[in-house]
């Protein structure tokens, strides 16, 4: 039963709710330009990484690394976890499953440290998609 629930969650999250959408990129770039604090900048960079993953993986990785560096600099655990998760997604798109798995598992561990179970859902779903 647990496996069935996990598969349903994976399909819902990856198939419908959080699909990449290149049409969001211009607004995210505006958000990045208008960001008044580093955590908002890190969030925008991480989102750009995710949405670029279907358009240009090199650019996606660049945004992901920028998000991670900034998040680490300000010790923003959610941002670090988002960066790992989104970079993992790029590696999944590149069919580099060992790197994708490493990044997803790191994101899960970082999110566990925050005590917020809601943050763990995406990297767990991504890991499940990769395993399928």
C-alpha atoms as a PDB file:
ATOM      1  CA  UNK A   1       0.000   0.000   0.000  1.00  0.00           C
ATOM      2  CA  UNK A   2       2.842   2.405   0.834  1.00  0.00           C
ATOM      3  CA  UNK A   3       4.426   1.801  -2.572  1.00  0.00           C
ATOM      4  CA  UNK A   4       1.126   2.494  -4.312  1.00  0.00           C
ATOM      5  CA  UNK A   5       0.725   5.760  -2.405  1.00  0.00           C
ATOM      6  CA  UNK A   6       4.281   6.769  -3.291  1.00  0.00           C
ATOM      7  CA  UNK A   7       3.645   6.091  -6.986  1.00  0.00           C
ATOM      8  CA  UNK A   8       0.477   8.191  -6.899  1.00  0.00           C
ATOM      9  CA  UNK A   9       2.290  11.037  -5.157  1.00  0.00           C
ATOM     10  CA  UNK A  10       5.122  10.861  -7.686  1.00  0.00           C
ATOM     11  CA  UNK A  11       2.744  11.028 -10.606  1.00  0.00           C
ATOM     12  CA  UNK A  12       0.774  13.897  -9.134  1.00  0.00           C
ATOM     13  CA  UNK A  13       3.750  16.018  -8.193  1.00  0.00           C
ATOM     14  CA  UNK A  14       5.884  15.391 -11.243  1.00  0.00           C
ATOM     15  CA  UNK A  15       3.158  15.079 -13.815  1.00  0.00           C
ATOM     16  CA  UNK A  16       0.775  17.839 -12.929  1.00  0.00           C
ATOM     17  CA  UNK A  17       1.596  20.193 -10.141  1.00  0.00           C
ATOM     18  CA  UNK A  18       5.259  21.023 -10.604  1.00  0.00           C
ATOM     19  CA  UNK A  19       6.011  20.544 -14.286  1.00  0.00           C
ATOM     20  CA  UNK A  20       8.654  22.702 -15.891  1.00  0.00           C
ATOM     21  CA  UNK A  21       7.178  25.624 -17.755  1.00  0.00           C
ATOM     22  CA  UNK A  22       9.417  27.808 -19.903  1.00  0.00           C
ATOM     23  CA  UNK A  23       6.719  30.483 -20.022  1.00  0.00           C
ATOM     24  CA  UNK A  24       7.504  31.218 -16.343  1.00  0.00           C
ATOM     25  CA  UNK A  25      11.132  32.121 -17.099  1.00  0.00           C
ATOM     26  CA  UNK A  26      10.569  35.823 -17.976  1.00  0.00           C
ATOM     27  CA  UNK A  27       8.613  36.410 -14.749  1.00  0.00           C
ATOM     28  CA  UNK A  28      11.248  34.580 -12.701  1.00  0.00           C
ATOM     29  CA  UNK A  29      13.956  36.752 -14.249  1.00  0.00           C
ATOM     30  CA  UNK A  30      11.928  39.820 -13.246  1.00  0.00           C
ATOM     31  CA  UNK A  31      11.550  38.412  -9.732  1.00  0.00           C
ATOM     32  CA  UNK A  32      15.304  37.880  -9.598  1.00  0.00           C
ATOM     33  CA  UNK A  33      15.992  41.458 -10.712  1.00  0.00           C
ATOM     34  CA  UNK A  34      13.522  42.867  -8.156  1.00  0.00           C
ATOM     35  CA  UNK A  35      14.601  40.652  -5.238  1.00  0.00           C
ATOM     36  CA  UNK A  36      15.470  42.763  -2.219  1.00  0.00           C
ATOM     37  CA  UNK A  37      17.041  40.025  -0.114  1.00  0.00           C
ATOM     38  CA  UNK A  38      19.333  37.081  -0.717  1.00  0.00           C
ATOM     39  CA  UNK A  39      16.818  34.370   0.165  1.00  0.00           C
ATOM     40  CA  UNK A  40      14.396  35.703  -2.488  1.00  0.00           C
ATOM     41  CA  UNK A  41      17.293  35.790  -4.990  1.00  0.00           C
ATOM     42  CA  UNK A  42      18.232  32.208  -4.110  1.00  0.00           C
ATOM     43  CA  UNK A  43      14.609  31.068  -4.523  1.00  0.00           C
ATOM     44  CA  UNK A  44      14.347  32.729  -7.946  1.00  0.00           C
ATOM     45  CA  UNK A  45      17.664  31.234  -9.083  1.00  0.00           C
ATOM     46  CA  UNK A  46      16.576  27.753  -7.960  1.00  0.00           C
ATOM     47  CA  UNK A  47      13.269  28.113  -9.820  1.00  0.00           C
ATOM     48  CA  UNK A  48      15.108  29.263 -12.942  1.00  0.00           C
ATOM     49  CA  UNK A  49      17.267  26.149 -12.688  1.00  0.00           C
ATOM     50  CA  UNK A  50      14.168  23.956 -12.598  1.00  0.00           C
ATOM     51  CA  UNK A  51      12.344  25.631 -15.481  1.00  0.00           C
ATOM     52  CA  UNK A  52      15.444  25.844 -17.685  1.00  0.00           C
ATOM     53  CA  UNK A  53      16.010  22.096 -17.295  1.00  0.00           C
ATOM     54  CA  UNK A  54      13.833  21.397 -20.354  1.00  0.00           C
ATOM     55  CA  UNK A  55      15.192  24.291 -22.397  1.00  0.00           C
ATOM     56  CA  UNK A  56      18.942  24.401 -21.772  1.00  0.00           C
ATOM     57  CA  UNK A  57      20.595  22.155 -19.212  1.00  0.00           C
ATOM     58  CA  UNK A  58      23.848  24.166 -19.179  1.00  0.00           C
ATOM     59  CA  UNK A  59      21.942  27.316 -18.251  1.00  0.00           C
ATOM     60  CA  UNK A  60      19.890  25.342 -15.734  1.00  0.00           C
ATOM     61  CA  UNK A  61      23.055  24.097 -14.023  1.00  0.00           C
ATOM     62  CA  UNK A  62      24.466  27.630 -13.984  1.00  0.00           C
ATOM     63  CA  UNK A  63      21.372  28.965 -12.205  1.00  0.00           C
ATOM     64  CA  UNK A  64      21.370  25.988  -9.844  1.00  0.00           C
ATOM     65  CA  UNK A  65      24.993  26.513  -8.862  1.00  0.00           C
ATOM     66  CA  UNK A  66      24.378  30.242  -8.325  1.00  0.00           C
ATOM     67  CA  UNK A  67      21.389  29.418  -6.127  1.00  0.00           C
ATOM     68  CA  UNK A  68      23.437  26.926  -4.142  1.00  0.00           C
ATOM     69  CA  UNK A  69      26.401  29.268  -3.644  1.00  0.00           C
ATOM     70  CA  UNK A  70      24.179  32.117  -2.486  1.00  0.00           C
ATOM     71  CA  UNK A  71      22.135  29.844  -0.215  1.00  0.00           C
ATOM     72  CA  UNK A  72      25.279  28.431   1.377  1.00  0.00           C
ATOM     73  CA  UNK A  73      26.703  31.936   1.842  1.00  0.00           C
ATOM     74  CA  UNK A  74      23.620  33.041   3.800  1.00  0.00           C
ATOM     75  CA  UNK A  75      23.100  29.609   5.425  1.00  0.00           C
ATOM     76  CA  UNK A  76      19.626  29.287   3.891  1.00  0.00           C
ATOM     77  CA  UNK A  77      18.870  25.561   4.332  1.00  0.00           C
ATOM     78  CA  UNK A  78      15.680  25.602   2.251  1.00  0.00           C
ATOM     79  CA  UNK A  79      17.560  27.276  -0.585  1.00  0.00           C
ATOM     80  CA  UNK A  80      20.424  24.809  -0.361  1.00  0.00           C
ATOM     81  CA  UNK A  81      17.968  21.903  -0.426  1.00  0.00           C
ATOM     82  CA  UNK A  82      16.032  23.394  -3.357  1.00  0.00           C
ATOM     83  CA  UNK A  83      19.292  23.857  -5.229  1.00  0.00           C
ATOM     84  CA  UNK A  84      20.311  20.242  -4.686  1.00  0.00           C
ATOM     85  CA  UNK A  85      16.867  19.017  -5.701  1.00  0.00           C
ATOM     86  CA  UNK A  86      16.698  21.124  -8.865  1.00  0.00           C
ATOM     87  CA  UNK A  87      20.261  20.340  -9.918  1.00  0.00           C
ATOM     88  CA  UNK A  88      19.391  16.684  -9.344  1.00  0.00           C
ATOM     89  CA  UNK A  89      16.460  17.139 -11.708  1.00  0.00           C
ATOM     90  CA  UNK A  90      18.797  18.545 -14.371  1.00  0.00           C
ATOM     91  CA  UNK A  91      21.072  15.524 -14.000  1.00  0.00           C
ATOM     92  CA  UNK A  92      17.997  13.296 -14.291  1.00  0.00           C
ATOM     93  CA  UNK A  93      17.130  15.073 -17.540  1.00  0.00           C
ATOM     94  CA  UNK A  94      20.722  14.465 -18.700  1.00  0.00           C
ATOM     95  CA  UNK A  95      20.302  10.736 -17.861  1.00  0.00           C
ATOM     96  CA  UNK A  96      23.070  10.924 -15.270  1.00  0.00           C
ATOM     97  CA  UNK A  97      21.201   8.836 -12.726  1.00  0.00           C
ATOM     98  CA  UNK A  98      24.034   8.418 -10.235  1.00  0.00           C
ATOM     99  CA  UNK A  99      24.501  12.192  -9.915  1.00  0.00           C
ATOM    100  CA  UNK A 100      20.735  12.764  -9.849  1.00  0.00           C
ATOM    101  CA  UNK A 101      20.346  10.238  -7.038  1.00  0.00           C
ATOM    102  CA  UNK A 102      23.193  11.835  -5.085  1.00  0.00           C
ATOM    103  CA  UNK A 103      21.647  15.303  -5.363  1.00  0.00           C
ATOM    104  CA  UNK A 104      18.108  14.120  -4.519  1.00  0.00           C
ATOM    105  CA  UNK A 105      19.334  12.243  -1.439  1.00  0.00           C
ATOM    106  CA  UNK A 106      21.337  15.259  -0.291  1.00  0.00           C
ATOM    107  CA  UNK A 107      18.247  17.451  -0.686  1.00  0.00           C
ATOM    108  CA  UNK A 108      16.187  14.987   1.368  1.00  0.00           C
ATOM    109  CA  UNK A 109      18.777  14.985   4.156  1.00  0.00           C
ATOM    110  CA  UNK A 110      19.000  18.785   4.178  1.00  0.00           C
ATOM    111  CA  UNK A 111      15.231  19.145   4.305  1.00  0.00           C
ATOM    112  CA  UNK A 112      15.042  16.642   7.172  1.00  0.00           C
ATOM    113  CA  UNK A 113      17.338  18.975   9.130  1.00  0.00           C
ATOM    114  CA  UNK A 114      14.839  21.815   8.737  1.00  0.00           C
ATOM    115  CA  UNK A 115      12.116  19.802  10.481  1.00  0.00           C
ATOM    116  CA  UNK A 116       9.680  20.687   7.682  1.00  0.00           C
ATOM    117  CA  UNK A 117       8.240  17.507   6.243  1.00  0.00           C
ATOM    118  CA  UNK A 118       6.509  19.422   3.453  1.00  0.00           C
ATOM    119  CA  UNK A 119       9.887  20.230   1.898  1.00  0.00           C
ATOM    120  CA  UNK A 120      10.907  16.570   1.684  1.00  0.00           C
ATOM    121  CA  UNK A 121       8.080  15.647  -0.692  1.00  0.00           C
ATOM    122  CA  UNK A 122       9.637  16.948  -3.934  1.00  0.00           C
ATOM    123  CA  UNK A 123      13.051  15.279  -3.749  1.00  0.00           C
ATOM    124  CA  UNK A 124      11.398  12.037  -2.584  1.00  0.00           C
ATOM    125  CA  UNK A 125       8.995  12.236  -5.543  1.00  0.00           C
ATOM    126  CA  UNK A 126      11.874  13.009  -7.902  1.00  0.00           C
ATOM    127  CA  UNK A 127      13.856  10.066  -6.547  1.00  0.00           C
ATOM    128  CA  UNK A 128      10.792   7.859  -7.027  1.00  0.00           C
ATOM    129  CA  UNK A 129      10.419   9.046 -10.613  1.00  0.00           C
ATOM    130  CA  UNK A 130      14.061   8.308 -11.262  1.00  0.00           C
ATOM    131  CA  UNK A 131      13.736   4.798  -9.811  1.00  0.00           C
ATOM    132  CA  UNK A 132      10.668   4.112 -11.959  1.00  0.00           C
END
